PDB file of N, CA and C in Angstrom:
ATOM      1  N   UNK A   1     -10.206  32.939  -5.400  1.00  0.00           N
ATOM      2  CA  UNK A   1      -9.093  32.090  -5.038  1.00  0.00           C
ATOM      3  C   UNK A   1      -7.941  32.978  -4.577  1.00  0.00           C
ATOM      4  N   UNK A   2      -7.319  32.643  -3.428  1.00  0.00           N
ATOM      5  CA  UNK A   2      -6.248  33.509  -2.921  1.00  0.00           C
ATOM      6  C   UNK A   2      -5.004  33.434  -3.800  1.00  0.00           C
ATOM      7  N   UNK A   3      -4.303  34.543  -3.857  1.00  0.00           N
ATOM      8  CA  UNK A   3      -3.108  34.598  -4.697  1.00  0.00           C
ATOM      9  C   UNK A   3      -1.852  34.146  -3.943  1.00  0.00           C
ATOM     10  N   UNK A   4      -1.948  34.009  -2.626  1.00  0.00           N
ATOM     11  CA  UNK A   4      -0.801  33.558  -1.843  1.00  0.00           C
ATOM     12  C   UNK A   4      -1.159  32.278  -1.096  1.00  0.00           C
ATOM     13  N   UNK A   5      -0.137  31.568  -0.697  1.00  0.00           N
ATOM     14  CA  UNK A   5      -0.331  30.324   0.031  1.00  0.00           C
ATOM     15  C   UNK A   5       0.160  30.492   1.457  1.00  0.00           C
ATOM     16  N   UNK A   6      -0.401  29.701   2.342  1.00  0.00           N
ATOM     17  CA  UNK A   6       0.034  29.701   3.728  1.00  0.00           C
ATOM     18  C   UNK A   6       1.352  28.939   3.827  1.00  0.00           C
ATOM     19  N   UNK A   7       2.426  29.615   4.160  1.00  0.00           N
ATOM     20  CA  UNK A   7       3.730  28.978   4.288  1.00  0.00           C
ATOM     21  C   UNK A   7       4.024  28.523   5.706  1.00  0.00           C
ATOM     22  N   UNK A   8       3.167  28.900   6.647  1.00  0.00           N
ATOM     23  CA  UNK A   8       3.396  28.562   8.047  1.00  0.00           C
ATOM     24  C   UNK A   8       2.305  27.609   8.533  1.00  0.00           C
ATOM     25  N   UNK A   9       2.737  26.451   8.969  1.00  0.00           N
ATOM     26  CA  UNK A   9       1.806  25.473   9.513  1.00  0.00           C
ATOM     27  C   UNK A   9       2.207  25.191  10.947  1.00  0.00           C
ATOM     28  N   UNK A  10       1.250  24.927  11.773  1.00  0.00           N
ATOM     29  CA  UNK A  10       1.578  24.620  13.165  1.00  0.00           C
ATOM     30  C   UNK A  10       1.171  23.182  13.459  1.00  0.00           C
ATOM     31  N   UNK A  11       2.131  22.291  13.297  1.00  0.00           N
ATOM     32  CA  UNK A  11       1.941  20.888  13.625  1.00  0.00           C
ATOM     33  C   UNK A  11       2.773  20.579  14.857  1.00  0.00           C
ATOM     34  N   UNK A  12       2.205  19.795  15.753  1.00  0.00           N
ATOM     35  CA  UNK A  12       3.009  19.338  16.874  1.00  0.00           C
ATOM     36  C   UNK A  12       3.652  18.006  16.494  1.00  0.00           C
ATOM     37  N   UNK A  13       4.593  17.505  17.268  1.00  0.00           N
ATOM     38  CA  UNK A  13       5.275  16.252  16.915  1.00  0.00           C
ATOM     39  C   UNK A  13       4.330  15.063  16.724  1.00  0.00           C
ATOM     40  N   UNK A  14       3.227  15.034  17.461  1.00  0.00           N
ATOM     41  CA  UNK A  14       2.263  13.937  17.294  1.00  0.00           C
ATOM     42  C   UNK A  14       1.586  14.008  15.922  1.00  0.00           C
ATOM     43  N   UNK A  15       1.297  15.215  15.463  1.00  0.00           N
ATOM     44  CA  UNK A  15       0.705  15.392  14.136  1.00  0.00           C
ATOM     45  C   UNK A  15       1.655  14.895  13.049  1.00  0.00           C
ATOM     46  N   UNK A  16       2.916  15.271  13.154  1.00  0.00           N
ATOM     47  CA  UNK A  16       3.918  14.860  12.172  1.00  0.00           C
ATOM     48  C   UNK A  16       4.083  13.345  12.189  1.00  0.00           C
ATOM     49  N   UNK A  17       4.091  12.750  13.382  1.00  0.00           N
ATOM     50  CA  UNK A  17       4.214  11.292  13.490  1.00  0.00           C
ATOM     51  C   UNK A  17       3.034  10.600  12.820  1.00  0.00           C
ATOM     52  N   UNK A  18       1.838  11.158  12.974  1.00  0.00           N
ATOM     53  CA  UNK A  18       0.647  10.586  12.350  1.00  0.00           C
ATOM     54  C   UNK A  18       0.723  10.695  10.826  1.00  0.00           C
ATOM     55  N   UNK A  19       1.193  11.815  10.329  1.00  0.00           N
ATOM     56  CA  UNK A  19       1.356  11.989   8.886  1.00  0.00           C
ATOM     57  C   UNK A  19       2.366  10.983   8.351  1.00  0.00           C
ATOM     58  N   UNK A  20       3.494  10.842   9.047  1.00  0.00           N
ATOM     59  CA  UNK A  20       4.511   9.877   8.628  1.00  0.00           C
ATOM     60  C   UNK A  20       3.963   8.453   8.625  1.00  0.00           C
ATOM     61  N   UNK A  21       3.220   8.106   9.659  1.00  0.00           N
ATOM     62  CA  UNK A  21       2.641   6.763   9.743  1.00  0.00           C
ATOM     63  C   UNK A  21       1.696   6.502   8.571  1.00  0.00           C
ATOM     64  N   UNK A  22       0.887   7.480   8.234  1.00  0.00           N
ATOM     65  CA  UNK A  22      -0.023   7.340   7.103  1.00  0.00           C
ATOM     66  C   UNK A  22       0.710   7.170   5.786  1.00  0.00           C
ATOM     67  N   UNK A  23       1.761   7.953   5.591  1.00  0.00           N
ATOM     68  CA  UNK A  23       2.539   7.850   4.357  1.00  0.00           C
ATOM     69  C   UNK A  23       3.257   6.505   4.266  1.00  0.00           C
ATOM     70  N   UNK A  24       3.791   6.036   5.388  1.00  0.00           N
ATOM     71  CA  UNK A  24       4.453   4.725   5.387  1.00  0.00           C
ATOM     72  C   UNK A  24       3.452   3.604   5.101  1.00  0.00           C
ATOM     73  N   UNK A  25       2.253   3.707   5.654  1.00  0.00           N
ATOM     74  CA  UNK A  25       1.209   2.714   5.397  1.00  0.00           C
ATOM     75  C   UNK A  25       0.830   2.719   3.920  1.00  0.00           C
ATOM     76  N   UNK A  26       0.708   3.892   3.341  1.00  0.00           N
ATOM     77  CA  UNK A  26       0.410   4.006   1.913  1.00  0.00           C
ATOM     78  C   UNK A  26       1.505   3.341   1.084  1.00  0.00           C
ATOM     79  N   UNK A  27       2.751   3.582   1.447  1.00  0.00           N
ATOM     80  CA  UNK A  27       3.883   2.992   0.746  1.00  0.00           C
ATOM     81  C   UNK A  27       3.877   1.468   0.867  1.00  0.00           C
ATOM     82  N   UNK A  28       3.633   0.952   2.070  1.00  0.00           N
ATOM     83  CA  UNK A  28       3.593  -0.497   2.284  1.00  0.00           C
ATOM     84  C   UNK A  28       2.422  -1.118   1.520  1.00  0.00           C
ATOM     85  N   UNK A  29       1.279  -0.426   1.502  1.00  0.00           N
ATOM     86  CA  UNK A  29       0.107  -0.916   0.777  1.00  0.00           C
ATOM     87  C   UNK A  29       0.420  -1.023  -0.713  1.00  0.00           C
ATOM     88  N   UNK A  30       1.116  -0.034  -1.241  1.00  0.00           N
ATOM     89  CA  UNK A  30       1.505  -0.054  -2.651  1.00  0.00           C
ATOM     90  C   UNK A  30       2.406  -1.246  -2.937  1.00  0.00           C
ATOM     91  N   UNK A  31       3.383  -1.500  -2.060  1.00  0.00           N
ATOM     92  CA  UNK A  31       4.289  -2.632  -2.246  1.00  0.00           C
ATOM     93  C   UNK A  31       3.533  -3.953  -2.227  1.00  0.00           C
ATOM     94  N   UNK A  32       2.567  -4.082  -1.329  1.00  0.00           N
ATOM     95  CA  UNK A  32       1.779  -5.313  -1.229  1.00  0.00           C
ATOM     96  C   UNK A  32       0.972  -5.541  -2.501  1.00  0.00           C
ATOM     97  N   UNK A  33       0.363  -4.486  -3.018  1.00  0.00           N
ATOM     98  CA  UNK A  33      -0.431  -4.605  -4.245  1.00  0.00           C
ATOM     99  C   UNK A  33       0.465  -5.002  -5.412  1.00  0.00           C
ATOM    100  N   UNK A  34       1.655  -4.406  -5.485  1.00  0.00           N
ATOM    101  CA  UNK A  34       2.571  -4.717  -6.579  1.00  0.00           C
ATOM    102  C   UNK A  34       3.006  -6.181  -6.537  1.00  0.00           C
ATOM    103  N   UNK A  35       3.178  -6.759  -5.344  1.00  0.00           N
ATOM    104  CA  UNK A  35       3.591  -8.154  -5.226  1.00  0.00           C
ATOM    105  C   UNK A  35       2.445  -9.102  -5.551  1.00  0.00           C
ATOM    106  N   UNK A  36       1.207  -8.713  -5.197  1.00  0.00           N
ATOM    107  CA  UNK A  36       0.052  -9.582  -5.393  1.00  0.00           C
ATOM    108  C   UNK A  36      -0.453  -9.550  -6.832  1.00  0.00           C
ATOM    109  N   UNK A  37      -0.167  -8.490  -7.547  1.00  0.00           N
ATOM    110  CA  UNK A  37      -0.695  -8.291  -8.886  1.00  0.00           C
ATOM    111  C   UNK A  37      -0.125  -9.325  -9.860  1.00  0.00           C
ATOM    112  N   UNK A  38      -0.948  -9.761 -10.790  1.00  0.00           N
ATOM    113  CA  UNK A  38      -0.494 -10.673 -11.825  1.00  0.00           C
ATOM    114  C   UNK A  38       0.259  -9.870 -12.865  1.00  0.00           C
ATOM    115  N   UNK A  39       1.524 -10.198 -13.124  1.00  0.00           N
ATOM    116  CA  UNK A  39       2.376  -9.434 -14.024  1.00  0.00           C
ATOM    117  C   UNK A  39       1.891  -9.418 -15.457  1.00  0.00           C
ATOM    118  N   UNK A  40       1.208 -10.470 -15.906  1.00  0.00           N
ATOM    119  CA  UNK A  40       0.776 -10.535 -17.303  1.00  0.00           C
ATOM    120  C   UNK A  40      -0.367  -9.570 -17.599  1.00  0.00           C
ATOM    121  N   UNK A  41      -1.233  -9.318 -16.619  1.00  0.00           N
ATOM    122  CA  UNK A  41      -2.415  -8.490 -16.848  1.00  0.00           C
ATOM    123  C   UNK A  41      -2.170  -7.021 -16.482  1.00  0.00           C
ATOM    124  N   UNK A  42      -0.953  -6.679 -16.101  1.00  0.00           N
ATOM    125  CA  UNK A  42      -0.675  -5.325 -15.636  1.00  0.00           C
ATOM    126  C   UNK A  42      -0.614  -4.338 -16.798  1.00  0.00           C
ATOM    127  N   UNK A  43      -1.171  -3.161 -16.565  1.00  0.00           N
ATOM    128  CA  UNK A  43      -1.128  -2.076 -17.544  1.00  0.00           C
ATOM    129  C   UNK A  43       0.146  -1.269 -17.309  1.00  0.00           C
ATOM    130  N   UNK A  44       1.047  -1.171 -18.281  1.00  0.00           N
ATOM    131  CA  UNK A  44       2.311  -0.446 -18.076  1.00  0.00           C
ATOM    132  C   UNK A  44       2.102   1.023 -17.676  1.00  0.00           C
ATOM    133  N   UNK A  45       1.087   1.668 -18.214  1.00  0.00           N
ATOM    134  CA  UNK A  45       0.812   3.065 -17.860  1.00  0.00           C
ATOM    135  C   UNK A  45       0.401   3.213 -16.412  1.00  0.00           C
ATOM    136  N   UNK A  46      -0.409   2.270 -15.927  1.00  0.00           N
ATOM    137  CA  UNK A  46      -0.851   2.306 -14.531  1.00  0.00           C
ATOM    138  C   UNK A  46       0.322   2.056 -13.597  1.00  0.00           C
ATOM    139  N   UNK A  47       1.207   1.159 -13.994  1.00  0.00           N
ATOM    140  CA  UNK A  47       2.379   0.862 -13.166  1.00  0.00           C
ATOM    141  C   UNK A  47       3.268   2.096 -13.061  1.00  0.00           C
ATOM    142  N   UNK A  48       3.474   2.767 -14.177  1.00  0.00           N
ATOM    143  CA  UNK A  48       4.314   3.965 -14.185  1.00  0.00           C
ATOM    144  C   UNK A  48       3.705   5.059 -13.315  1.00  0.00           C
ATOM    145  N   UNK A  49       2.391   5.237 -13.376  1.00  0.00           N
ATOM    146  CA  UNK A  49       1.709   6.240 -12.555  1.00  0.00           C
ATOM    147  C   UNK A  49       1.851   5.915 -11.077  1.00  0.00           C
ATOM    148  N   UNK A  50       1.662   4.641 -10.725  1.00  0.00           N
ATOM    149  CA  UNK A  50       1.796   4.241  -9.320  1.00  0.00           C
ATOM    150  C   UNK A  50       3.229   4.405  -8.839  1.00  0.00           C
ATOM    151  N   UNK A  51       4.190   4.103  -9.685  1.00  0.00           N
ATOM    152  CA  UNK A  51       5.590   4.275  -9.310  1.00  0.00           C
ATOM    153  C   UNK A  51       5.924   5.747  -9.072  1.00  0.00           C
ATOM    154  N   UNK A  52       5.370   6.638  -9.891  1.00  0.00           N
ATOM    155  CA  UNK A  52       5.591   8.070  -9.695  1.00  0.00           C
ATOM    156  C   UNK A  52       4.995   8.530  -8.371  1.00  0.00           C
ATOM    157  N   UNK A  53       3.793   8.026  -8.065  1.00  0.00           N
ATOM    158  CA  UNK A  53       3.140   8.398  -6.803  1.00  0.00           C
ATOM    159  C   UNK A  53       3.955   7.899  -5.618  1.00  0.00           C
ATOM    160  N   UNK A  54       4.463   6.672  -5.708  1.00  0.00           N
ATOM    161  CA  UNK A  54       5.281   6.113  -4.639  1.00  0.00           C
ATOM    162  C   UNK A  54       6.558   6.931  -4.460  1.00  0.00           C
ATOM    163  N   UNK A  55       7.145   7.378  -5.551  1.00  0.00           N
ATOM    164  CA  UNK A  55       8.345   8.212  -5.476  1.00  0.00           C
ATOM    165  C   UNK A  55       8.032   9.526  -4.774  1.00  0.00           C
ATOM    166  N   UNK A  56       6.872  10.125  -5.082  1.00  0.00           N
ATOM    167  CA  UNK A  56       6.471  11.367  -4.429  1.00  0.00           C
ATOM    168  C   UNK A  56       6.280  11.165  -2.929  1.00  0.00           C
ATOM    169  N   UNK A  57       5.666  10.048  -2.555  1.00  0.00           N
ATOM    170  CA  UNK A  57       5.456   9.754  -1.132  1.00  0.00           C
ATOM    171  C   UNK A  57       6.806   9.601  -0.432  1.00  0.00           C
ATOM    172  N   UNK A  58       7.731   8.871  -1.045  1.00  0.00           N
ATOM    173  CA  UNK A  58       9.047   8.679  -0.442  1.00  0.00           C
ATOM    174  C   UNK A  58       9.825   9.985  -0.353  1.00  0.00           C
ATOM    175  N   UNK A  59       9.692  10.855  -1.341  1.00  0.00           N
ATOM    176  CA  UNK A  59      10.356  12.155  -1.290  1.00  0.00           C
ATOM    177  C   UNK A  59       9.783  13.015  -0.168  1.00  0.00           C
ATOM    178  N   UNK A  60       8.467  12.959   0.026  1.00  0.00           N
ATOM    179  CA  UNK A  60       7.843  13.709   1.115  1.00  0.00           C
ATOM    180  C   UNK A  60       8.302  13.181   2.464  1.00  0.00           C
ATOM    181  N   UNK A  61       8.372  11.864   2.614  1.00  0.00           N
ATOM    182  CA  UNK A  61       8.890  11.288   3.855  1.00  0.00           C
ATOM    183  C   UNK A  61      10.325  11.749   4.101  1.00  0.00           C
ATOM    184  N   UNK A  62      11.119  11.835   3.042  1.00  0.00           N
ATOM    185  CA  UNK A  62      12.489  12.315   3.172  1.00  0.00           C
ATOM    186  C   UNK A  62      12.543  13.767   3.617  1.00  0.00           C
ATOM    187  N   UNK A  63      11.668  14.603   3.079  1.00  0.00           N
ATOM    188  CA  UNK A  63      11.635  16.012   3.476  1.00  0.00           C
ATOM    189  C   UNK A  63      11.283  16.148   4.957  1.00  0.00           C
ATOM    190  N   UNK A  64      10.305  15.357   5.402  1.00  0.00           N
ATOM    191  CA  UNK A  64       9.917  15.405   6.815  1.00  0.00           C
ATOM    192  C   UNK A  64      11.087  14.965   7.681  1.00  0.00           C
ATOM    193  N   UNK A  65      11.732  13.871   7.298  1.00  0.00           N
ATOM    194  CA  UNK A  65      12.861  13.355   8.075  1.00  0.00           C
ATOM    195  C   UNK A  65      13.995  14.370   8.142  1.00  0.00           C
ATOM    196  N   UNK A  66      14.300  15.018   7.023  1.00  0.00           N
ATOM    197  CA  UNK A  66      15.412  15.958   6.984  1.00  0.00           C
ATOM    198  C   UNK A  66      15.155  17.226   7.792  1.00  0.00           C
ATOM    199  N   UNK A  67      13.903  17.515   8.122  1.00  0.00           N
ATOM    200  CA  UNK A  67      13.596  18.706   8.903  1.00  0.00           C
ATOM    201  C   UNK A  67      13.530  18.426  10.398  1.00  0.00           C
ATOM    202  N   UNK A  68      13.660  17.169  10.772  1.00  0.00           N
ATOM    203  CA  UNK A  68      13.626  16.822  12.191  1.00  0.00           C
ATOM    204  C   UNK A  68      14.920  17.245  12.868  1.00  0.00           C
ATOM    205  N   UNK A  69      14.800  17.580  14.121  1.00  0.00           N
ATOM    206  CA  UNK A  69      15.966  17.891  14.941  1.00  0.00           C
ATOM    207  C   UNK A  69      16.063  16.782  15.980  1.00  0.00           C
ATOM    208  N   UNK A  70      17.151  16.047  15.919  1.00  0.00           N
ATOM    209  CA  UNK A  70      17.342  14.925  16.830  1.00  0.00           C
ATOM    210  C   UNK A  70      18.192  15.390  18.005  1.00  0.00           C
ATOM    211  N   UNK A  71      17.764  15.022  19.184  1.00  0.00           N
ATOM    212  CA  UNK A  71      18.479  15.407  20.395  1.00  0.00           C
ATOM    213  C   UNK A  71      19.158  14.181  20.991  1.00  0.00           C
ATOM    214  N   UNK A  72      20.309  14.411  21.580  1.00  0.00           N
ATOM    215  CA  UNK A  72      20.996  13.343  22.286  1.00  0.00           C
ATOM    216  C   UNK A  72      21.429  13.873  23.639  1.00  0.00           C
ATOM    217  N   UNK A  73      21.767  12.970  24.517  1.00  0.00           N
ATOM    218  CA  UNK A  73      22.245  13.380  25.830  1.00  0.00           C
ATOM    219  C   UNK A  73      23.612  14.035  25.684  1.00  0.00           C
ATOM    220  N   UNK A  74      23.838  15.062  26.461  1.00  0.00           N
ATOM    221  CA  UNK A  74      25.125  15.741  26.427  1.00  0.00           C
ATOM    222  C   UNK A  74      25.652  15.890  27.846  1.00  0.00           C
ATOM    223  N   UNK A  75      26.960  16.074  27.951  1.00  0.00           N
ATOM    224  CA  UNK A  75      27.562  16.380  29.248  1.00  0.00           C
ATOM    225  C   UNK A  75      27.079  17.759  29.681  1.00  0.00           C
ATOM    226  N   UNK A  76      26.742  17.887  30.929  1.00  0.00           N
ATOM    227  CA  UNK A  76      26.186  19.148  31.404  1.00  0.00           C
ATOM    228  C   UNK A  76      27.222  20.272  31.461  1.00  0.00           C
ATOM    229  N   UNK A  77      28.495  19.960  31.625  1.00  0.00           N
ATOM    230  CA  UNK A  77      29.474  21.018  31.787  1.00  0.00           C
ATOM    231  C   UNK A  77      30.085  21.512  30.480  1.00  0.00           C
ATOM    232  N   UNK A  78      30.141  20.674  29.418  1.00  0.00           N
ATOM    233  CA  UNK A  78      30.756  21.161  28.179  1.00  0.00           C
ATOM    234  C   UNK A  78      29.868  21.016  26.945  1.00  0.00           C
ATOM    235  N   UNK A  79      28.709  20.374  27.072  1.00  0.00           N
ATOM    236  CA  UNK A  79      27.767  20.266  25.967  1.00  0.00           C
ATOM    237  C   UNK A  79      28.150  19.260  24.890  1.00  0.00           C
ATOM    238  N   UNK A  80      29.165  18.443  25.157  1.00  0.00           N
ATOM    239  CA  UNK A  80      29.614  17.444  24.182  1.00  0.00           C
ATOM    240  C   UNK A  80      28.709  16.220  24.278  1.00  0.00           C
ATOM    241  N   UNK A  81      28.247  15.670  23.127  1.00  0.00           N
ATOM    242  CA  UNK A  81      27.384  14.482  23.173  1.00  0.00           C
ATOM    243  C   UNK A  81      28.072  13.302  23.858  1.00  0.00           C
ATOM    244  N   UNK A  82      27.265  12.518  24.556  1.00  0.00           N
ATOM    245  CA  UNK A  82      27.778  11.309  25.196  1.00  0.00           C
ATOM    246  C   UNK A  82      28.058  10.227  24.178  1.00  0.00           C
ATOM    247  N   UNK A  83      28.990   9.343  24.482  1.00  0.00           N
ATOM    248  CA  UNK A  83      29.259   8.162  23.676  1.00  0.00           C
ATOM    249  C   UNK A  83      30.022   8.476  22.477  1.00  0.00           C
TER     250      UNK A  83
END
């Protein structure tokens, strides 16, 4: 087993978009299951585990979002954003 981890990944924007889409689908699927589930038969331990997993997914989505660089149109002569 290697003692170091690969810290450099080469994803293009389409790859990142696909990862985000998958994570959002997982999050929506979790919400749907939680709404459909019968509250009386729910196991509190299972609910807590699923909530932790959902929190991890949302935190990962936040990390991806925070690393994005958003571009806007700028004036060509002074570089100031439009609008």
